[in-house]
C-alpha cells in the first residue's frame, strides 16, 4: 500500500457539502411561511378572544338589565299600592267631609281640620304620582 503525501483535494468535500445544503430560496420560503402562519394564528386568536369577551359582556349586561327590570317592576308595584291606599284615604276623607258638610253646625273647627287633612293627603298623592312618573 502506498500512501500519498499530497494533501486531499478541498474541492471534493466542499462540493458534497454544497449539494447537501438546501438553497437560500428554500430557507427564505420556509421562513416566510412560518411567519405567515404565526401572523395568521395571532390574528385568529385575537378574534377568538374578542368574541369571547363580547359574549361575556353581553351575558353580563343582559343579567343586569333583567335585574334592573325586576327592581323597576317591584318599585312600580309598591308605588301603585301606596297610591291606591292614598286614593282610598282621600275617598274616605271626601265622604267624611261631605258628611260634615251635611251635618254642618257651629263646629267649624272640625271641618277645617278635615280640609287640612284632605289637602295633606292630596299633596302626598301628588308626590307619589311624580315618583311613579319618574320611574316610567
N, C-alpha and C. Protein backbone atom coordinates (compact mmCIF):
# COMPACT_ATOMS: atom_id res chain seq x y z
N UNK A 1 0.80 -1.14 0.00
CA UNK A 1 0.00 0.00 0.00
C UNK A 1 0.87 1.23 0.00
N UNK A 2 0.45 2.04 -0.82
CA UNK A 2 1.22 3.27 -0.90
C UNK A 2 0.37 4.43 -0.43
N UNK A 3 0.99 5.24 0.34
CA UNK A 3 0.29 6.42 0.84
C UNK A 3 0.82 7.62 0.10
N UNK A 4 -0.10 8.45 -0.27
CA UNK A 4 0.38 9.64 -0.96
C UNK A 4 0.55 10.76 0.04
N UNK A 5 1.53 11.52 -0.18
CA UNK A 5 1.82 12.64 0.71
C UNK A 5 1.15 13.93 0.24
N UNK A 6 0.43 13.85 -0.78
CA UNK A 6 -0.26 15.03 -1.29
C UNK A 6 -1.51 15.30 -0.46
N UNK A 7 -1.76 16.60 -0.28
CA UNK A 7 -2.97 16.92 0.51
C UNK A 7 -4.24 16.55 -0.25
N UNK A 8 -5.25 16.24 0.52
CA UNK A 8 -6.52 15.87 -0.09
C UNK A 8 -7.13 17.08 -0.75
N UNK A 9 -7.83 16.83 -1.79
CA UNK A 9 -8.41 17.95 -2.52
C UNK A 9 -9.59 18.51 -1.74
N UNK A 10 -9.62 19.80 -1.61
CA UNK A 10 -10.64 20.50 -0.85
C UNK A 10 -11.91 20.64 -1.67
N UNK A 11 -11.78 20.68 -2.93
CA UNK A 11 -12.92 20.91 -3.80
C UNK A 11 -13.93 19.78 -3.73
N UNK A 12 -13.51 18.57 -3.51
CA UNK A 12 -14.44 17.46 -3.45
C UNK A 12 -15.30 17.53 -2.20
N UNK A 13 -14.75 17.88 -1.06
CA UNK A 13 -15.53 17.94 0.19
C UNK A 13 -16.46 19.13 0.19
N UNK A 14 -16.04 20.25 -0.35
CA UNK A 14 -16.91 21.42 -0.35
C UNK A 14 -18.07 21.22 -1.32
N UNK A 15 -17.85 20.51 -2.41
CA UNK A 15 -18.94 20.25 -3.34
C UNK A 15 -19.98 19.33 -2.71
N UNK A 16 -19.56 18.35 -1.98
CA UNK A 16 -20.51 17.43 -1.37
C UNK A 16 -21.32 18.14 -0.29
N UNK A 17 -20.71 19.09 0.43
CA UNK A 17 -21.45 19.85 1.44
C UNK A 17 -22.44 20.80 0.78
N UNK A 18 -22.06 21.40 -0.31
CA UNK A 18 -22.95 22.31 -1.01
C UNK A 18 -24.17 21.58 -1.53
N UNK A 19 -24.00 20.43 -2.02
CA UNK A 19 -25.13 19.69 -2.56
C UNK A 19 -26.05 19.22 -1.44
N UNK A 20 -25.55 19.05 -0.27
CA UNK A 20 -26.38 18.63 0.86
C UNK A 20 -27.21 19.78 1.43
N UNK A 21 -26.74 21.00 1.42
CA UNK A 21 -27.44 22.14 1.99
C UNK A 21 -28.60 22.57 1.10
N UNK A 22 -29.74 22.97 1.76
CA UNK A 22 -30.85 23.48 0.96
C UNK A 22 -30.49 24.87 0.42
N UNK A 23 -31.15 25.24 -0.59
CA UNK A 23 -30.83 26.52 -1.21
C UNK A 23 -31.36 27.67 -0.35
N UNK A 24 -30.86 28.85 -0.57
CA UNK A 24 -31.25 30.05 0.18
C UNK A 24 -32.72 30.37 -0.08
N UNK A 25 -33.15 30.19 -1.29
CA UNK A 25 -34.55 30.47 -1.64
C UNK A 25 -35.49 29.57 -0.86
N UNK A 26 -35.11 28.31 -0.69
CA UNK A 26 -35.95 27.38 0.05
C UNK A 26 -36.04 27.79 1.52
N UNK A 27 -34.93 28.19 2.11
CA UNK A 27 -34.93 28.64 3.51
C UNK A 27 -35.79 29.89 3.66
N UNK A 28 -35.67 30.85 2.76
CA UNK A 28 -36.49 32.06 2.83
C UNK A 28 -37.97 31.73 2.68
N UNK A 29 -38.29 30.81 1.79
CA UNK A 29 -39.68 30.41 1.61
C UNK A 29 -40.25 29.79 2.89
N UNK A 30 -39.48 28.94 3.52
CA UNK A 30 -39.92 28.32 4.78
C UNK A 30 -40.11 29.38 5.85
N UNK A 31 -39.17 30.35 5.97
CA UNK A 31 -39.30 31.42 6.96
C UNK A 31 -40.54 32.27 6.69
N UNK A 32 -40.78 32.59 5.43
CA UNK A 32 -41.96 33.39 5.09
C UNK A 32 -43.23 32.63 5.45
N UNK A 33 -43.25 31.33 5.15
CA UNK A 33 -44.42 30.53 5.51
C UNK A 33 -44.63 30.46 7.02
N UNK A 34 -43.54 30.28 7.78
CA UNK A 34 -43.66 30.24 9.24
C UNK A 34 -44.14 31.57 9.80
N UNK A 35 -43.60 32.66 9.29
CA UNK A 35 -44.03 33.99 9.76
C UNK A 35 -45.50 34.22 9.40
N UNK A 36 -45.88 33.84 8.19
CA UNK A 36 -47.29 33.99 7.78
C UNK A 36 -48.22 33.16 8.65
N UNK A 37 -47.81 31.93 8.96
CA UNK A 37 -48.62 31.08 9.83
C UNK A 37 -48.73 31.68 11.23
N UNK A 38 -47.65 32.25 11.73
CA UNK A 38 -47.68 32.88 13.05
C UNK A 38 -48.60 34.09 13.08
N UNK A 39 -48.52 34.91 12.06
CA UNK A 39 -49.39 36.10 12.00
C UNK A 39 -50.85 35.69 11.89
N UNK A 40 -51.12 34.69 11.06
CA UNK A 40 -52.49 34.21 10.90
C UNK A 40 -53.02 33.63 12.21
N UNK A 41 -52.20 32.86 12.89
CA UNK A 41 -52.62 32.29 14.18
C UNK A 41 -52.87 33.39 15.21
N UNK A 42 -52.02 34.40 15.25
CA UNK A 42 -52.22 35.50 16.19
C UNK A 42 -53.50 36.26 15.88
N UNK A 43 -53.77 36.48 14.60
CA UNK A 43 -55.00 37.19 14.20
C UNK A 43 -56.24 36.38 14.58
N UNK A 44 -56.22 35.08 14.33
CA UNK A 44 -57.36 34.24 14.68
C UNK A 44 -57.56 34.17 16.18
N UNK A 45 -56.48 34.09 16.94
CA UNK A 45 -56.57 34.04 18.39
C UNK A 45 -57.12 35.35 18.95
N UNK A 46 -56.68 36.48 18.40
CA UNK A 46 -57.21 37.77 18.88
C UNK A 46 -58.69 37.90 18.56
N UNK A 47 -59.12 37.41 17.40
CA UNK A 47 -60.55 37.42 17.08
C UNK A 47 -61.33 36.53 18.03
N UNK A 48 -60.76 35.39 18.37
CA UNK A 48 -61.42 34.48 19.32
C UNK A 48 -61.55 35.15 20.69
N UNK A 49 -60.49 35.80 21.17
CA UNK A 49 -60.55 36.48 22.46
C UNK A 49 -61.57 37.61 22.43
N UNK A 50 -61.60 38.36 21.34
CA UNK A 50 -62.55 39.46 21.22
C UNK A 50 -63.98 38.94 21.26
N UNK A 51 -64.25 37.87 20.54
CA UNK A 51 -65.60 37.31 20.51
C UNK A 51 -66.01 36.76 21.88
N UNK A 52 -65.08 36.12 22.57
CA UNK A 52 -65.43 35.59 23.90
C UNK A 52 -65.68 36.74 24.88
N UNK A 53 -64.92 37.83 24.76
CA UNK A 53 -65.14 38.98 25.63
C UNK A 53 -66.50 39.62 25.33
N UNK A 54 -66.86 39.71 24.07
CA UNK A 54 -68.16 40.27 23.70
C UNK A 54 -69.29 39.39 24.24
N UNK A 55 -69.13 38.09 24.16
CA UNK A 55 -70.14 37.17 24.68
C UNK A 55 -70.30 37.32 26.18
N UNK A 56 -69.19 37.44 26.90
CA UNK A 56 -69.24 37.61 28.35
C UNK A 56 -69.92 38.92 28.73
N UNK A 57 -69.57 40.00 28.04
CA UNK A 57 -70.19 41.30 28.32
C UNK A 57 -71.68 41.28 28.00
N UNK A 58 -72.04 40.63 26.92
CA UNK A 58 -73.45 40.54 26.55
C UNK A 58 -74.24 39.80 27.61
N UNK A 59 -73.70 38.70 28.09
CA UNK A 59 -74.36 37.93 29.14
C UNK A 59 -74.50 38.76 30.41
N UNK A 60 -73.44 39.47 30.77
CA UNK A 60 -73.47 40.29 31.99
C UNK A 60 -74.49 41.41 31.85
N UNK A 61 -74.50 42.07 30.70
CA UNK A 61 -75.44 43.18 30.51
C UNK A 61 -76.88 42.70 30.49
N UNK A 62 -77.12 41.54 29.93
CA UNK A 62 -78.48 41.00 29.92
C UNK A 62 -78.95 40.67 31.33
N UNK A 63 -78.08 40.10 32.14
CA UNK A 63 -78.48 39.77 33.51
C UNK A 63 -78.71 41.05 34.32
N UNK A 64 -77.87 42.07 34.11
CA UNK A 64 -78.08 43.33 34.82
C UNK A 64 -79.36 44.01 34.36
N UNK A 65 -79.67 43.92 33.08
CA UNK A 65 -80.91 44.52 32.57
C UNK A 65 -82.12 43.82 33.16
N UNK A 66 -82.06 42.50 33.26
CA UNK A 66 -83.16 41.75 33.87
C UNK A 66 -83.33 42.12 35.34
N UNK A 67 -82.21 42.30 36.04
CA UNK A 67 -82.27 42.68 37.45
C UNK A 67 -82.87 44.08 37.60
N UNK A 68 -82.45 45.00 36.75
CA UNK A 68 -82.99 46.36 36.81
C UNK A 68 -84.48 46.35 36.49
N UNK A 69 -84.88 45.52 35.54
CA UNK A 69 -86.30 45.42 35.18
C UNK A 69 -87.11 44.89 36.35
N UNK A 70 -86.57 43.89 37.04
CA UNK A 70 -87.27 43.33 38.20
C UNK A 70 -87.38 44.36 39.31
N UNK A 71 -86.29 45.12 39.56
CA UNK A 71 -86.33 46.17 40.57
C UNK A 71 -87.34 47.25 40.21
N UNK A 72 -87.35 47.65 38.96
CA UNK A 72 -88.28 48.66 38.49
C UNK A 72 -89.72 48.20 38.67
N UNK A 73 -89.98 46.94 38.32
CA UNK A 73 -91.32 46.40 38.46
C UNK A 73 -91.74 46.36 39.93
N UNK A 74 -90.82 45.97 40.79
CA UNK A 74 -91.13 45.92 42.23
C UNK A 74 -91.42 47.32 42.76
N UNK A 75 -90.62 48.29 42.38
CA UNK A 75 -90.84 49.67 42.84
C UNK A 75 -92.17 50.20 42.32
N UNK A 76 -92.46 49.93 41.07
CA UNK A 76 -93.70 50.40 40.48
C UNK A 76 -94.91 49.76 41.16
N UNK A 77 -94.79 48.48 41.48
CA UNK A 77 -95.87 47.79 42.17
C UNK A 77 -96.08 48.38 43.57
N UNK A 78 -94.97 48.65 44.27
CA UNK A 78 -95.07 49.23 45.61
C UNK A 78 -95.69 50.62 45.55
N UNK A 79 -95.26 51.42 44.59
CA UNK A 79 -95.82 52.77 44.48
C UNK A 79 -97.29 52.74 44.08
N UNK A 80 -97.67 51.84 43.21
CA UNK A 80 -99.08 51.77 42.84
C UNK A 80 -99.93 51.33 44.03
N UNK A 81 -99.38 50.46 44.87
CA UNK A 81 -100.09 50.08 46.10
C UNK A 81 -100.26 51.26 47.03
N UNK A 82 -99.20 52.07 47.17
CA UNK A 82 -99.29 53.25 48.01
C UNK A 82 -100.29 54.25 47.45
N UNK A 83 -100.32 54.40 46.14
CA UNK A 83 -101.28 55.32 45.52
C UNK A 83 -102.70 54.84 45.76
N UNK A 84 -102.92 53.54 45.67
CA UNK A 84 -104.26 53.00 45.93
C UNK A 84 -104.67 53.25 47.38
N UNK A 85 -103.72 53.06 48.31
CA UNK A 85 -104.02 53.33 49.72
C UNK A 85 -104.36 54.80 49.92
N UNK A 86 -103.56 55.68 49.34
CA UNK A 86 -103.84 57.10 49.48
C UNK A 86 -105.15 57.49 48.81
N UNK A 87 -105.44 56.86 47.68
CA UNK A 87 -106.69 57.15 47.00
C UNK A 87 -107.88 56.74 47.87
N UNK A 88 -107.76 55.59 48.53
CA UNK A 88 -108.86 55.17 49.41
C UNK A 88 -108.99 56.11 50.60
N UNK A 89 -107.84 56.62 51.11
CA UNK A 89 -107.90 57.59 52.21
C UNK A 89 -108.56 58.89 51.75
N UNK A 90 -108.23 59.31 50.54
CA UNK A 90 -108.83 60.54 50.01
C UNK A 90 -110.33 60.36 49.86
N UNK A 91 -110.73 59.21 49.36
CA UNK A 91 -112.17 58.96 49.21
C UNK A 91 -112.85 58.93 50.57
N UNK A 92 -112.19 58.32 51.55
CA UNK A 92 -112.76 58.28 52.90
C UNK A 92 -112.88 59.69 53.46
N UNK A 93 -111.83 60.48 53.27
CA UNK A 93 -111.90 61.87 53.75
C UNK A 93 -112.96 62.67 53.01
N UNK A 94 -113.12 62.43 51.74
CA UNK A 94 -114.17 63.12 50.99
C UNK A 94 -115.55 62.77 51.52
N UNK A 95 -115.76 61.48 51.80
CA UNK A 95 -117.05 61.06 52.37
C UNK A 95 -117.27 61.70 53.73
N UNK A 96 -116.22 61.72 54.52
CA UNK A 96 -116.33 62.33 55.85
C UNK A 96 -116.60 63.83 55.73
N UNK A 97 -115.96 64.45 54.77
CA UNK A 97 -116.16 65.88 54.56
C UNK A 97 -117.58 66.15 54.09
N UNK A 98 -118.09 65.33 53.21
CA UNK A 98 -119.47 65.50 52.77
C UNK A 98 -120.43 65.30 53.93
N UNK A 99 -120.11 64.32 54.76
CA UNK A 99 -120.95 64.08 55.93
C UNK A 99 -120.94 65.29 56.86
N UNK A 100 -119.77 65.86 57.07
CA UNK A 100 -119.69 67.03 57.95
C UNK A 100 -120.35 68.25 57.33
N UNK A 101 -120.30 68.35 56.01
CA UNK A 101 -121.00 69.47 55.37
C UNK A 101 -122.50 69.32 55.53
N UNK A 102 -122.96 68.05 55.40
CA UNK A 102 -124.39 67.82 55.57
C UNK A 102 -124.84 68.10 56.99
N UNK A 103 -124.02 67.77 57.91
CA UNK A 103 -124.34 67.98 59.32
C UNK A 103 -123.69 69.26 59.83
N UNK A 104 -123.65 70.26 58.98
CA UNK A 104 -122.96 71.49 59.33
C UNK A 104 -123.68 72.16 60.49
N UNK A 105 -122.92 72.38 61.47
CA UNK A 105 -123.45 73.10 62.63
C UNK A 105 -122.43 74.15 62.99
N UNK A 106 -122.38 74.51 64.21
CA UNK A 106 -121.46 75.55 64.63
C UNK A 106 -120.05 75.00 64.87
N UNK A 107 -119.81 73.76 64.54
CA UNK A 107 -118.50 73.15 64.75
C UNK A 107 -117.66 73.33 63.48
N UNK A 108 -117.17 74.49 63.25
CA UNK A 108 -116.37 74.77 62.06
C UNK A 108 -114.94 74.29 62.23
N UNK A 109 -114.50 74.09 63.45
CA UNK A 109 -113.12 73.64 63.67
C UNK A 109 -112.90 72.24 63.09
N UNK A 110 -113.89 71.37 63.25
CA UNK A 110 -113.73 70.01 62.74
C UNK A 110 -113.64 69.99 61.20
N UNK A 111 -114.46 70.80 60.56
CA UNK A 111 -114.42 70.81 59.10
C UNK A 111 -113.10 71.41 58.60
N UNK A 112 -112.55 72.39 59.31
CA UNK A 112 -111.26 72.95 58.93
C UNK A 112 -110.16 71.90 59.06
N UNK A 113 -110.25 71.08 60.11
CA UNK A 113 -109.28 70.02 60.27
C UNK A 113 -109.37 69.02 59.12
N UNK A 114 -110.61 68.70 58.73
CA UNK A 114 -110.79 67.76 57.63
C UNK A 114 -110.24 68.34 56.33
N UNK A 115 -110.45 69.60 56.09
CA UNK A 115 -109.92 70.23 54.88
C UNK A 115 -108.39 70.19 54.88
N UNK A 116 -107.79 70.48 56.04
CA UNK A 116 -106.32 70.46 56.10
C UNK A 116 -105.78 69.03 55.91
N UNK A 117 -106.47 68.04 56.50
CA UNK A 117 -106.06 66.65 56.31
C UNK A 117 -106.21 66.24 54.84
N UNK A 118 -107.28 66.67 54.23
CA UNK A 118 -107.52 66.36 52.84
C UNK A 118 -106.45 66.98 51.95
N UNK A 119 -106.06 68.20 52.24
CA UNK A 119 -105.02 68.83 51.43
C UNK A 119 -103.67 68.13 51.62
N UNK A 120 -103.38 67.67 52.83
CA UNK A 120 -102.14 66.92 53.07
C UNK A 120 -102.13 65.61 52.29
N UNK A 121 -103.25 64.93 52.29
CA UNK A 121 -103.35 63.66 51.57
C UNK A 121 -103.20 63.91 50.07
N UNK A 122 -103.80 64.99 49.57
CA UNK A 122 -103.67 65.32 48.15
C UNK A 122 -102.21 65.62 47.80
N UNK A 123 -101.51 66.30 48.69
CA UNK A 123 -100.08 66.59 48.44
C UNK A 123 -99.27 65.29 48.39
N UNK A 124 -99.55 64.39 49.33
CA UNK A 124 -98.85 63.11 49.31
C UNK A 124 -99.16 62.31 48.04
N UNK A 125 -100.40 62.37 47.62
CA UNK A 125 -100.80 61.68 46.39
C UNK A 125 -100.08 62.28 45.18
N UNK A 126 -99.96 63.57 45.14
CA UNK A 126 -99.25 64.22 44.03
C UNK A 126 -97.77 63.85 44.04
N UNK A 127 -97.17 63.78 45.23
CA UNK A 127 -95.75 63.41 45.32
C UNK A 127 -95.54 61.97 44.85
N UNK A 128 -96.43 61.08 45.22
CA UNK A 128 -96.31 59.69 44.76
C UNK A 128 -96.53 59.59 43.25
N UNK A 129 -97.45 60.40 42.75
CA UNK A 129 -97.68 60.39 41.29
C UNK A 129 -96.43 60.85 40.55
N UNK A 130 -95.74 61.85 41.10
CA UNK A 130 -94.49 62.31 40.48
C UNK A 130 -93.44 61.21 40.51
N UNK A 131 -93.34 60.48 41.62
CA UNK A 131 -92.39 59.38 41.72
C UNK A 131 -92.69 58.30 40.68
N UNK A 132 -93.97 58.00 40.50
CA UNK A 132 -94.33 56.99 39.51
C UNK A 132 -93.99 57.46 38.11
N UNK A 133 -94.21 58.74 37.84
CA UNK A 133 -93.87 59.27 36.52
C UNK A 133 -92.38 59.21 36.27
N UNK A 134 -91.59 59.46 37.32
CA UNK A 134 -90.14 59.36 37.17
C UNK A 134 -89.68 57.94 36.90
N UNK A 135 -90.35 56.98 37.50
CA UNK A 135 -89.98 55.58 37.29
C UNK A 135 -90.35 55.10 35.89
N UNK A 136 -91.38 55.68 35.33
CA UNK A 136 -91.77 55.27 33.98
C UNK A 136 -90.74 55.76 33.04
